């Protein structure tokens, strides 16, 4: 909703299924607000070094910005630092990942996708303390505050209230099951 050019991007670190999953979710969210938007995606590499190559992250981000992209989602580990530098230089926007990265380039990081590990740890500890713990895979999402987006003093002025209200409405539709978020892993299983 913040894109003025109708073009957004994503820079991933290592090209692996987990980051493809981030890409798929990001693209679905973008298209839910603008089905005609153009989305570019690039990956830093295919080896573990892809997580720690800010120069390559910046190179990919600069190329996207210069092609007309005005917002880029970073799912690139330390390589995202280069993306943030490019956003600042080009006076464009970035979206952080995993933790609140809004402070890194105030006014240039639109928001950050939060992986709420604190929530997962707290819920596990509570289950242990009450005897309700069961081993196995647990999923944390919007329904149990396991993921979210960051709002703070560094980005509040960047996101108007009507946009926040729309995002909150979309979040609730996901929680209520009215919007199905695509899942890279499930899509791959269907193809097999």
N, C-alpha and C. Protein backbone atom coordinates (compact mmCIF):
# COMPACT_ATOMS: atom_id res chain seq x y z
N UNK A 1 0.82 -1.21 0.00
CA UNK A 1 0.00 0.00 0.00
C UNK A 1 0.86 1.26 0.00
N UNK A 2 2.11 1.15 0.37
CA UNK A 2 2.99 2.31 0.42
C UNK A 2 3.72 2.56 -0.89
N UNK A 3 3.67 1.62 -1.80
CA UNK A 3 4.40 1.77 -3.07
C UNK A 3 3.74 2.84 -3.93
N UNK A 4 4.57 3.74 -4.41
CA UNK A 4 4.09 4.77 -5.34
C UNK A 4 4.34 4.37 -6.80
N UNK A 5 5.33 3.52 -7.02
CA UNK A 5 5.72 3.14 -8.38
C UNK A 5 4.95 1.94 -8.91
N UNK A 6 4.31 1.18 -8.01
CA UNK A 6 3.65 -0.06 -8.45
C UNK A 6 4.64 -1.18 -8.67
N UNK A 7 5.87 -1.01 -8.11
CA UNK A 7 6.91 -2.03 -8.22
C UNK A 7 7.57 -2.19 -6.86
N UNK A 8 7.60 -3.42 -6.38
CA UNK A 8 8.27 -3.71 -5.11
C UNK A 8 9.22 -4.87 -5.32
N UNK A 9 10.11 -5.08 -4.35
CA UNK A 9 11.07 -6.15 -4.50
C UNK A 9 11.33 -6.91 -3.23
N UNK A 10 12.15 -7.92 -3.37
CA UNK A 10 12.57 -8.75 -2.25
C UNK A 10 13.99 -9.21 -2.54
N UNK A 11 14.85 -9.14 -1.54
CA UNK A 11 16.20 -9.69 -1.65
C UNK A 11 16.32 -10.75 -0.57
N UNK A 12 16.52 -11.99 -1.01
CA UNK A 12 16.72 -13.10 -0.09
C UNK A 12 18.20 -13.40 0.05
N UNK A 13 18.58 -14.02 1.13
CA UNK A 13 19.96 -14.43 1.34
C UNK A 13 20.24 -15.68 0.52
N UNK A 14 20.25 -16.82 1.20
CA UNK A 14 20.51 -18.09 0.53
C UNK A 14 19.21 -18.60 -0.09
N UNK A 15 19.29 -19.03 -1.32
CA UNK A 15 18.11 -19.52 -2.03
C UNK A 15 17.77 -20.93 -1.52
N UNK A 16 16.93 -20.95 -0.50
CA UNK A 16 16.50 -22.19 0.14
C UNK A 16 14.98 -22.16 0.32
N UNK A 17 14.35 -23.30 0.52
CA UNK A 17 12.89 -23.32 0.66
C UNK A 17 12.34 -22.38 1.74
N UNK A 18 13.00 -22.25 2.86
CA UNK A 18 12.50 -21.37 3.91
C UNK A 18 12.39 -19.93 3.42
N UNK A 19 13.38 -19.45 2.70
CA UNK A 19 13.33 -18.07 2.23
C UNK A 19 12.37 -17.94 1.05
N UNK A 20 12.22 -18.99 0.27
CA UNK A 20 11.17 -19.00 -0.76
C UNK A 20 9.79 -18.88 -0.10
N UNK A 21 9.67 -19.44 1.09
CA UNK A 21 8.42 -19.34 1.85
C UNK A 21 8.16 -17.89 2.25
N UNK A 22 9.22 -17.19 2.71
CA UNK A 22 9.09 -15.77 3.01
C UNK A 22 8.64 -15.01 1.76
N UNK A 23 9.28 -15.31 0.64
CA UNK A 23 8.95 -14.64 -0.62
C UNK A 23 7.49 -14.87 -0.99
N UNK A 24 7.03 -16.10 -0.89
CA UNK A 24 5.66 -16.44 -1.26
C UNK A 24 4.66 -15.67 -0.39
N UNK A 25 4.91 -15.62 0.91
CA UNK A 25 4.02 -14.88 1.80
C UNK A 25 4.01 -13.39 1.51
N UNK A 26 5.21 -12.84 1.27
CA UNK A 26 5.33 -11.41 0.94
C UNK A 26 4.57 -11.10 -0.35
N UNK A 27 4.77 -11.91 -1.37
CA UNK A 27 4.10 -11.68 -2.64
C UNK A 27 2.58 -11.77 -2.49
N UNK A 28 2.10 -12.71 -1.70
CA UNK A 28 0.66 -12.85 -1.49
C UNK A 28 0.11 -11.61 -0.78
N UNK A 29 0.84 -11.11 0.20
CA UNK A 29 0.40 -9.90 0.90
C UNK A 29 0.37 -8.69 -0.01
N UNK A 30 1.40 -8.55 -0.81
CA UNK A 30 1.47 -7.43 -1.75
C UNK A 30 0.30 -7.50 -2.73
N UNK A 31 0.07 -8.67 -3.27
CA UNK A 31 -1.00 -8.82 -4.28
C UNK A 31 -2.40 -8.68 -3.66
N UNK A 32 -2.51 -8.94 -2.37
CA UNK A 32 -3.81 -8.76 -1.71
C UNK A 32 -4.21 -7.29 -1.67
N UNK A 33 -3.23 -6.42 -1.71
CA UNK A 33 -3.53 -4.98 -1.69
C UNK A 33 -3.49 -4.36 -3.08
N UNK A 34 -2.75 -4.99 -4.00
CA UNK A 34 -2.66 -4.48 -5.37
C UNK A 34 -2.35 -5.63 -6.31
N UNK A 35 -3.34 -6.25 -6.90
CA UNK A 35 -3.12 -7.41 -7.77
C UNK A 35 -2.26 -7.12 -9.00
N UNK A 36 -2.16 -5.86 -9.40
CA UNK A 36 -1.40 -5.51 -10.61
C UNK A 36 0.04 -5.11 -10.32
N UNK A 37 0.45 -5.10 -9.07
CA UNK A 37 1.80 -4.66 -8.71
C UNK A 37 2.85 -5.60 -9.30
N UNK A 38 3.98 -5.05 -9.65
CA UNK A 38 5.10 -5.85 -10.15
C UNK A 38 6.03 -6.16 -8.98
N UNK A 39 6.49 -7.41 -8.93
CA UNK A 39 7.36 -7.85 -7.84
C UNK A 39 8.62 -8.46 -8.44
N UNK A 40 9.77 -7.96 -7.98
CA UNK A 40 11.06 -8.52 -8.40
C UNK A 40 11.67 -9.22 -7.18
N UNK A 41 12.31 -10.33 -7.41
CA UNK A 41 12.99 -11.05 -6.32
C UNK A 41 14.35 -11.52 -6.80
N UNK A 42 15.33 -11.35 -5.93
CA UNK A 42 16.69 -11.82 -6.19
C UNK A 42 17.22 -12.48 -4.93
N UNK A 43 18.18 -13.37 -5.14
CA UNK A 43 18.84 -14.03 -4.02
C UNK A 43 20.34 -13.75 -4.09
N UNK A 44 20.95 -13.58 -2.92
CA UNK A 44 22.38 -13.29 -2.85
C UNK A 44 23.19 -14.47 -3.34
N UNK A 45 22.76 -15.69 -3.04
CA UNK A 45 23.52 -16.86 -3.49
C UNK A 45 22.89 -18.16 -3.06
N UNK A 46 23.64 -19.24 -3.25
CA UNK A 46 23.15 -20.59 -2.95
C UNK A 46 24.01 -21.30 -1.91
N UNK A 47 24.98 -20.60 -1.35
CA UNK A 47 25.82 -21.18 -0.30
C UNK A 47 25.60 -20.41 0.99
N UNK A 48 26.13 -20.92 2.06
CA UNK A 48 25.98 -20.29 3.38
C UNK A 48 26.53 -18.86 3.40
N UNK A 49 27.47 -18.56 2.52
CA UNK A 49 28.04 -17.21 2.44
C UNK A 49 27.01 -16.16 2.03
N UNK A 50 25.90 -16.59 1.46
CA UNK A 50 24.86 -15.65 1.02
C UNK A 50 24.27 -14.85 2.18
N UNK A 51 24.39 -15.35 3.39
CA UNK A 51 23.85 -14.65 4.56
C UNK A 51 24.76 -13.51 5.02
N UNK A 52 25.99 -13.48 4.56
CA UNK A 52 26.95 -12.51 5.07
C UNK A 52 27.70 -11.82 3.93
N UNK A 53 26.95 -11.23 3.00
CA UNK A 53 27.54 -10.55 1.86
C UNK A 53 26.79 -9.24 1.62
N UNK A 54 27.00 -8.24 2.51
CA UNK A 54 26.30 -6.97 2.35
C UNK A 54 26.56 -6.29 1.01
N UNK A 55 27.77 -6.45 0.46
CA UNK A 55 28.08 -5.83 -0.83
C UNK A 55 27.15 -6.36 -1.93
N UNK A 56 26.92 -7.67 -1.94
CA UNK A 56 26.03 -8.27 -2.94
C UNK A 56 24.57 -7.87 -2.66
N UNK A 57 24.19 -7.83 -1.38
CA UNK A 57 22.85 -7.37 -1.02
C UNK A 57 22.59 -5.96 -1.52
N UNK A 58 23.59 -5.10 -1.37
CA UNK A 58 23.46 -3.72 -1.85
C UNK A 58 23.39 -3.68 -3.37
N UNK A 59 24.22 -4.44 -4.04
CA UNK A 59 24.22 -4.49 -5.51
C UNK A 59 22.84 -4.90 -6.03
N UNK A 60 22.26 -5.95 -5.45
CA UNK A 60 20.94 -6.41 -5.88
C UNK A 60 19.87 -5.36 -5.60
N UNK A 61 19.94 -4.73 -4.43
CA UNK A 61 18.96 -3.71 -4.07
C UNK A 61 19.08 -2.50 -4.98
N UNK A 62 20.29 -2.04 -5.25
CA UNK A 62 20.48 -0.89 -6.15
C UNK A 62 19.88 -1.18 -7.52
N UNK A 63 20.12 -2.38 -8.03
CA UNK A 63 19.56 -2.75 -9.34
C UNK A 63 18.04 -2.71 -9.31
N UNK A 64 17.44 -3.21 -8.24
CA UNK A 64 15.98 -3.17 -8.14
C UNK A 64 15.48 -1.74 -8.04
N UNK A 65 16.09 -0.94 -7.16
CA UNK A 65 15.66 0.46 -7.03
C UNK A 65 15.80 1.20 -8.36
N UNK A 66 16.90 0.97 -9.05
CA UNK A 66 17.13 1.67 -10.33
C UNK A 66 16.16 1.20 -11.42
N UNK A 67 15.53 0.04 -11.23
CA UNK A 67 14.53 -0.43 -12.19
C UNK A 67 13.13 0.09 -11.87
N UNK A 68 13.02 0.90 -10.81
CA UNK A 68 11.72 1.48 -10.47
C UNK A 68 11.08 0.96 -9.21
N UNK A 69 11.66 -0.07 -8.60
CA UNK A 69 11.16 -0.60 -7.33
C UNK A 69 11.32 0.48 -6.26
N UNK A 70 10.33 0.66 -5.41
CA UNK A 70 10.48 1.67 -4.36
C UNK A 70 10.46 1.10 -2.94
N UNK A 71 10.18 -0.19 -2.79
CA UNK A 71 10.21 -0.86 -1.48
C UNK A 71 10.79 -2.25 -1.68
N UNK A 72 11.76 -2.63 -0.83
CA UNK A 72 12.34 -3.97 -0.92
C UNK A 72 12.30 -4.64 0.44
N UNK A 73 11.78 -5.86 0.47
CA UNK A 73 11.75 -6.70 1.67
C UNK A 73 13.07 -7.45 1.74
N UNK A 74 13.71 -7.38 2.89
CA UNK A 74 14.98 -8.07 3.11
C UNK A 74 14.75 -9.35 3.89
N UNK A 75 15.16 -10.47 3.34
CA UNK A 75 15.17 -11.75 4.05
C UNK A 75 16.55 -12.35 3.80
N UNK A 76 17.59 -11.58 4.18
CA UNK A 76 18.94 -11.88 3.73
C UNK A 76 19.99 -11.90 4.83
N UNK A 77 19.58 -11.99 6.08
CA UNK A 77 20.58 -11.99 7.15
C UNK A 77 21.42 -10.74 7.11
N UNK A 78 22.72 -10.88 7.38
CA UNK A 78 23.64 -9.73 7.39
C UNK A 78 23.77 -9.10 6.01
N UNK A 79 23.46 -9.82 4.95
CA UNK A 79 23.49 -9.25 3.60
C UNK A 79 22.46 -8.13 3.46
N UNK A 80 21.43 -8.16 4.29
CA UNK A 80 20.43 -7.10 4.29
C UNK A 80 20.99 -5.74 4.66
N UNK A 81 22.13 -5.71 5.35
CA UNK A 81 22.74 -4.42 5.68
C UNK A 81 23.05 -3.62 4.43
N UNK A 82 23.46 -4.28 3.37
CA UNK A 82 23.71 -3.61 2.11
C UNK A 82 22.42 -3.07 1.50
N UNK A 83 21.34 -3.82 1.64
CA UNK A 83 20.04 -3.37 1.16
C UNK A 83 19.62 -2.09 1.89
N UNK A 84 19.83 -2.04 3.21
CA UNK A 84 19.47 -0.84 3.98
C UNK A 84 20.30 0.36 3.53
N UNK A 85 21.58 0.13 3.25
CA UNK A 85 22.44 1.21 2.74
C UNK A 85 21.91 1.72 1.40
N UNK A 86 21.51 0.80 0.53
CA UNK A 86 20.97 1.19 -0.78
C UNK A 86 19.68 1.98 -0.62
N UNK A 87 18.82 1.58 0.31
CA UNK A 87 17.56 2.30 0.55
C UNK A 87 17.86 3.74 0.97
N UNK A 88 18.81 3.89 1.85
CA UNK A 88 19.18 5.23 2.32
C UNK A 88 19.75 6.07 1.17
N UNK A 89 20.66 5.50 0.40
CA UNK A 89 21.28 6.22 -0.71
C UNK A 89 20.27 6.63 -1.77
N UNK A 90 19.34 5.74 -2.08
CA UNK A 90 18.37 5.98 -3.15
C UNK A 90 17.11 6.69 -2.66
N UNK A 91 17.05 6.92 -1.33
CA UNK A 91 15.86 7.55 -0.73
C UNK A 91 14.59 6.75 -1.02
N UNK A 92 14.74 5.43 -0.88
CA UNK A 92 13.63 4.49 -1.07
C UNK A 92 13.39 3.78 0.26
N UNK A 93 12.54 2.76 0.25
CA UNK A 93 12.21 2.06 1.49
C UNK A 93 12.68 0.61 1.48
N UNK A 94 12.95 0.12 2.68
CA UNK A 94 13.27 -1.29 2.92
C UNK A 94 12.28 -1.81 3.95
N UNK A 95 12.14 -3.12 4.01
CA UNK A 95 11.38 -3.79 5.07
C UNK A 95 12.34 -4.78 5.71
N UNK A 96 12.48 -4.69 7.03
CA UNK A 96 13.38 -5.58 7.75
C UNK A 96 12.73 -6.92 8.03
N UNK A 97 13.51 -7.79 8.69
CA UNK A 97 13.04 -9.15 8.93
C UNK A 97 13.58 -9.70 10.25
N UNK A 98 12.84 -10.61 10.82
CA UNK A 98 13.17 -11.38 12.02
C UNK A 98 13.00 -10.58 13.31
N UNK A 99 13.68 -9.44 13.41
CA UNK A 99 13.56 -8.59 14.59
C UNK A 99 13.25 -7.17 14.12
N UNK A 100 13.01 -6.27 15.04
CA UNK A 100 12.71 -4.90 14.67
C UNK A 100 13.99 -4.23 14.17
N UNK A 101 14.05 -4.00 12.87
CA UNK A 101 15.21 -3.35 12.26
C UNK A 101 14.90 -1.91 11.85
N UNK A 102 13.79 -1.36 12.32
CA UNK A 102 13.39 0.00 11.96
C UNK A 102 14.46 1.03 12.32
N UNK A 103 15.18 0.79 13.39
CA UNK A 103 16.18 1.74 13.90
C UNK A 103 17.44 1.81 13.02
N UNK A 104 17.67 0.83 12.17
CA UNK A 104 18.92 0.77 11.41
C UNK A 104 19.06 1.97 10.48
N UNK A 105 18.01 2.30 9.78
CA UNK A 105 17.99 3.47 8.89
C UNK A 105 16.66 4.18 9.12
N UNK A 106 16.53 4.91 10.24
CA UNK A 106 15.24 5.55 10.55
C UNK A 106 14.72 6.38 9.37
N UNK A 107 13.45 6.20 9.08
CA UNK A 107 12.83 6.90 7.97
C UNK A 107 12.96 6.18 6.64
N UNK A 108 13.76 5.13 6.59
CA UNK A 108 13.96 4.36 5.36
C UNK A 108 13.50 2.92 5.52
N UNK A 109 13.32 2.45 6.75
CA UNK A 109 12.79 1.10 6.99
C UNK A 109 11.30 1.26 7.28
N UNK A 110 10.49 0.86 6.32
CA UNK A 110 9.05 1.04 6.39
C UNK A 110 8.47 0.29 7.60
N UNK A 111 8.91 -0.94 7.79
CA UNK A 111 8.54 -1.76 8.95
C UNK A 111 9.46 -2.98 8.93
N UNK A 112 9.27 -3.85 9.90
CA UNK A 112 10.03 -5.09 9.96
C UNK A 112 9.08 -6.24 10.25
N UNK A 113 9.28 -7.35 9.57
CA UNK A 113 8.54 -8.57 9.86
C UNK A 113 9.17 -9.17 11.11
N UNK A 114 8.37 -9.41 12.13
CA UNK A 114 8.89 -9.90 13.40
C UNK A 114 8.65 -11.40 13.55
N UNK A 115 9.70 -12.11 13.84
CA UNK A 115 9.62 -13.51 14.22
C UNK A 115 9.66 -13.49 15.74
N UNK A 116 8.54 -13.71 16.40
CA UNK A 116 8.40 -13.53 17.83
C UNK A 116 8.87 -14.77 18.60
N UNK A 117 10.17 -14.98 18.60
CA UNK A 117 10.76 -16.10 19.33
C UNK A 117 10.46 -15.96 20.82
N UNK A 118 10.39 -14.72 21.32
CA UNK A 118 10.07 -14.49 22.73
C UNK A 118 8.72 -15.09 23.10
N UNK A 119 7.75 -14.97 22.19
CA UNK A 119 6.42 -15.54 22.43
C UNK A 119 6.50 -17.07 22.47
N UNK A 120 7.22 -17.66 21.52
CA UNK A 120 7.35 -19.12 21.48
C UNK A 120 8.03 -19.64 22.74
N UNK A 121 9.07 -18.97 23.18
CA UNK A 121 9.77 -19.40 24.40
C UNK A 121 8.85 -19.27 25.61
N UNK A 122 8.17 -18.14 25.73
CA UNK A 122 7.28 -17.93 26.88
C UNK A 122 6.16 -18.96 26.91
N UNK A 123 5.56 -19.25 25.77
CA UNK A 123 4.47 -20.24 25.74
C UNK A 123 4.99 -21.63 26.10
N UNK A 124 6.18 -21.96 25.66
CA UNK A 124 6.77 -23.26 25.98
C UNK A 124 7.07 -23.36 27.47
N UNK A 125 7.62 -22.30 28.04
CA UNK A 125 7.92 -22.29 29.48
C UNK A 125 6.62 -22.40 30.29
N UNK A 126 5.60 -21.67 29.87
CA UNK A 126 4.31 -21.76 30.56
C UNK A 126 3.75 -23.17 30.49
N UNK A 127 3.85 -23.80 29.32
CA UNK A 127 3.36 -25.17 29.19
C UNK A 127 4.15 -26.11 30.10
N UNK A 128 5.46 -25.91 30.17
CA UNK A 128 6.29 -26.74 31.07
C UNK A 128 5.88 -26.53 32.51
N UNK A 129 5.67 -25.28 32.91
CA UNK A 129 5.34 -24.95 34.30
C UNK A 129 3.98 -25.51 34.72
N UNK A 130 3.04 -25.59 33.78
CA UNK A 130 1.70 -26.06 34.11
C UNK A 130 1.49 -27.53 33.81
N UNK A 131 2.52 -28.19 33.28
CA UNK A 131 2.40 -29.61 32.94
C UNK A 131 1.69 -29.86 31.63
N UNK A 132 1.48 -28.83 30.84
CA UNK A 132 0.76 -28.97 29.59
C UNK A 132 1.69 -29.17 28.39
N UNK A 133 2.99 -29.23 28.62
CA UNK A 133 3.94 -29.35 27.52
C UNK A 133 3.83 -30.72 26.86
N UNK A 134 3.81 -30.70 25.53
CA UNK A 134 3.89 -31.93 24.75
C UNK A 134 4.97 -31.73 23.69
N UNK A 135 5.79 -32.74 23.49
CA UNK A 135 6.85 -32.59 22.48
C UNK A 135 6.27 -32.58 21.07
N UNK A 136 7.05 -32.07 20.15
CA UNK A 136 6.63 -32.06 18.76
C UNK A 136 6.74 -30.68 18.16
N UNK A 137 6.36 -30.59 16.91
CA UNK A 137 6.42 -29.33 16.18
C UNK A 137 5.27 -28.43 16.61
N UNK A 138 5.60 -27.20 16.89
CA UNK A 138 4.59 -26.19 17.23
C UNK A 138 4.68 -25.09 16.18
N UNK A 139 3.55 -24.60 15.75
CA UNK A 139 3.52 -23.51 14.77
C UNK A 139 3.07 -22.23 15.47
N UNK A 140 3.81 -21.18 15.20
CA UNK A 140 3.46 -19.88 15.75
C UNK A 140 3.23 -18.93 14.59
N UNK A 141 2.07 -18.29 14.58
CA UNK A 141 1.71 -17.39 13.49
C UNK A 141 0.94 -16.20 14.04
N UNK A 142 0.14 -15.59 13.20
CA UNK A 142 -0.66 -14.45 13.64
C UNK A 142 -1.66 -14.85 14.73
N UNK A 143 -2.15 -16.08 14.65
CA UNK A 143 -3.17 -16.54 15.59
C UNK A 143 -2.68 -16.51 17.04
N UNK A 144 -1.40 -16.74 17.26
CA UNK A 144 -0.86 -16.77 18.62
C UNK A 144 0.29 -15.78 18.81
N UNK A 145 0.28 -14.73 18.01
CA UNK A 145 1.28 -13.65 18.10
C UNK A 145 2.71 -14.12 17.86
N UNK A 146 2.88 -15.20 17.10
CA UNK A 146 4.21 -15.70 16.80
C UNK A 146 4.92 -14.92 15.71
N UNK A 147 4.16 -14.18 14.91
CA UNK A 147 4.73 -13.26 13.91
C UNK A 147 3.94 -11.96 13.98
N UNK A 148 4.57 -10.88 13.54
CA UNK A 148 3.91 -9.58 13.56
C UNK A 148 4.73 -8.62 12.70
N UNK A 149 4.39 -7.37 12.76
CA UNK A 149 5.19 -6.33 12.11
C UNK A 149 5.48 -5.26 13.15
N UNK A 150 6.56 -4.51 12.93
CA UNK A 150 7.03 -3.55 13.93
C UNK A 150 6.49 -2.15 13.66
N UNK A 151 5.99 -1.54 14.71
CA UNK A 151 5.60 -0.12 14.70
C UNK A 151 6.30 0.53 15.88
N UNK A 152 7.02 1.60 15.62
CA UNK A 152 7.70 2.32 16.69
C UNK A 152 7.96 3.76 16.28
N UNK A 153 8.74 4.45 17.05
CA UNK A 153 9.02 5.87 16.78
C UNK A 153 9.78 6.07 15.47
N UNK A 154 10.41 5.05 14.95
CA UNK A 154 11.19 5.18 13.72
C UNK A 154 10.36 5.07 12.45
N UNK A 155 9.15 4.51 12.55
CA UNK A 155 8.36 4.33 11.32
C UNK A 155 6.91 4.80 11.44
N UNK A 156 6.48 5.26 12.59
CA UNK A 156 5.08 5.65 12.75
C UNK A 156 4.64 6.71 11.75
N UNK A 157 5.52 7.66 11.46
CA UNK A 157 5.16 8.73 10.52
C UNK A 157 5.11 8.24 9.07
N UNK A 158 5.67 7.08 8.81
CA UNK A 158 5.71 6.55 7.45
C UNK A 158 4.44 5.81 7.06
N UNK A 159 3.67 5.37 8.06
CA UNK A 159 2.51 4.52 7.78
C UNK A 159 1.25 5.20 8.31
N UNK A 160 0.44 5.77 7.41
CA UNK A 160 -0.78 6.46 7.83
C UNK A 160 -1.76 5.52 8.54
N UNK A 161 -2.62 6.10 9.36
CA UNK A 161 -3.57 5.32 10.14
C UNK A 161 -4.48 4.47 9.27
N UNK A 162 -4.91 4.98 8.12
CA UNK A 162 -5.80 4.18 7.26
C UNK A 162 -5.09 2.93 6.75
N UNK A 163 -3.78 3.01 6.51
CA UNK A 163 -3.01 1.84 6.09
C UNK A 163 -2.89 0.86 7.26
N UNK A 164 -2.61 1.37 8.45
CA UNK A 164 -2.53 0.50 9.64
C UNK A 164 -3.85 -0.22 9.86
N UNK A 165 -4.95 0.52 9.71
CA UNK A 165 -6.27 -0.09 9.90
C UNK A 165 -6.51 -1.20 8.88
N UNK A 166 -6.12 -0.96 7.64
CA UNK A 166 -6.30 -1.98 6.61
C UNK A 166 -5.45 -3.22 6.90
N UNK A 167 -4.21 -2.98 7.33
CA UNK A 167 -3.32 -4.11 7.67
C UNK A 167 -3.91 -4.91 8.82
N UNK A 168 -4.40 -4.22 9.83
CA UNK A 168 -5.00 -4.92 10.97
C UNK A 168 -6.23 -5.72 10.53
N UNK A 169 -7.01 -5.18 9.60
CA UNK A 169 -8.16 -5.91 9.07
C UNK A 169 -7.74 -7.16 8.31
N UNK A 170 -6.68 -7.05 7.53
CA UNK A 170 -6.16 -8.21 6.80
C UNK A 170 -5.61 -9.26 7.76
N UNK A 171 -4.92 -8.80 8.80
CA UNK A 171 -4.41 -9.74 9.81
C UNK A 171 -5.57 -10.54 10.42
N UNK A 172 -6.65 -9.82 10.76
CA UNK A 172 -7.79 -10.49 11.37
C UNK A 172 -8.42 -11.49 10.42
N UNK A 173 -8.47 -11.17 9.14
CA UNK A 173 -9.02 -12.10 8.16
C UNK A 173 -8.16 -13.36 8.05
N UNK A 174 -6.85 -13.21 8.19
CA UNK A 174 -5.97 -14.39 8.20
C UNK A 174 -6.24 -15.23 9.44
N UNK A 175 -6.32 -14.58 10.59
CA UNK A 175 -6.60 -15.29 11.85
C UNK A 175 -7.93 -16.02 11.77
N UNK A 176 -8.93 -15.36 11.18
CA UNK A 176 -10.27 -15.95 11.07
C UNK A 176 -10.38 -17.00 9.97
N UNK A 177 -9.33 -17.20 9.20
CA UNK A 177 -9.35 -18.18 8.13
C UNK A 177 -10.01 -17.70 6.85
N UNK A 178 -10.31 -16.41 6.76
CA UNK A 178 -10.95 -15.87 5.56
C UNK A 178 -9.93 -15.60 4.45
N UNK A 179 -8.67 -15.45 4.83
CA UNK A 179 -7.57 -15.33 3.86
C UNK A 179 -6.62 -16.47 4.14
N UNK A 180 -6.31 -17.23 3.13
CA UNK A 180 -5.38 -18.35 3.24
C UNK A 180 -4.02 -17.90 2.73
N UNK A 181 -3.03 -17.92 3.59
CA UNK A 181 -1.67 -17.55 3.20
C UNK A 181 -1.03 -18.76 2.53
N UNK A 182 -0.51 -18.58 1.32
CA UNK A 182 0.12 -19.71 0.64
C UNK A 182 1.38 -20.16 1.37
N UNK A 183 1.70 -21.41 1.24
CA UNK A 183 2.86 -21.98 1.93
C UNK A 183 3.73 -22.71 0.92
N UNK A 184 4.96 -22.30 0.79
CA UNK A 184 5.89 -22.88 -0.17
C UNK A 184 6.03 -24.38 0.01
N UNK A 185 6.12 -24.83 1.27
CA UNK A 185 6.28 -26.26 1.53
C UNK A 185 5.07 -27.05 1.06
N UNK A 186 3.88 -26.54 1.35
CA UNK A 186 2.66 -27.24 0.92
C UNK A 186 2.54 -27.25 -0.60
N UNK A 187 2.91 -26.15 -1.25
CA UNK A 187 2.86 -26.09 -2.71
C UNK A 187 3.82 -27.12 -3.33
N UNK A 188 5.00 -27.26 -2.74
CA UNK A 188 5.98 -28.24 -3.26
C UNK A 188 5.44 -29.65 -3.09
N UNK A 189 4.78 -29.93 -1.96
CA UNK A 189 4.23 -31.28 -1.75
C UNK A 189 3.14 -31.60 -2.77
N UNK A 190 2.32 -30.60 -3.10
CA UNK A 190 1.25 -30.81 -4.09
C UNK A 190 1.81 -31.17 -5.45
N UNK A 191 2.95 -30.60 -5.79
CA UNK A 191 3.56 -30.84 -7.10
C UNK A 191 4.20 -32.21 -7.21
N UNK A 192 4.49 -32.84 -6.07
CA UNK A 192 5.16 -34.17 -6.10
C UNK A 192 4.21 -35.27 -6.37
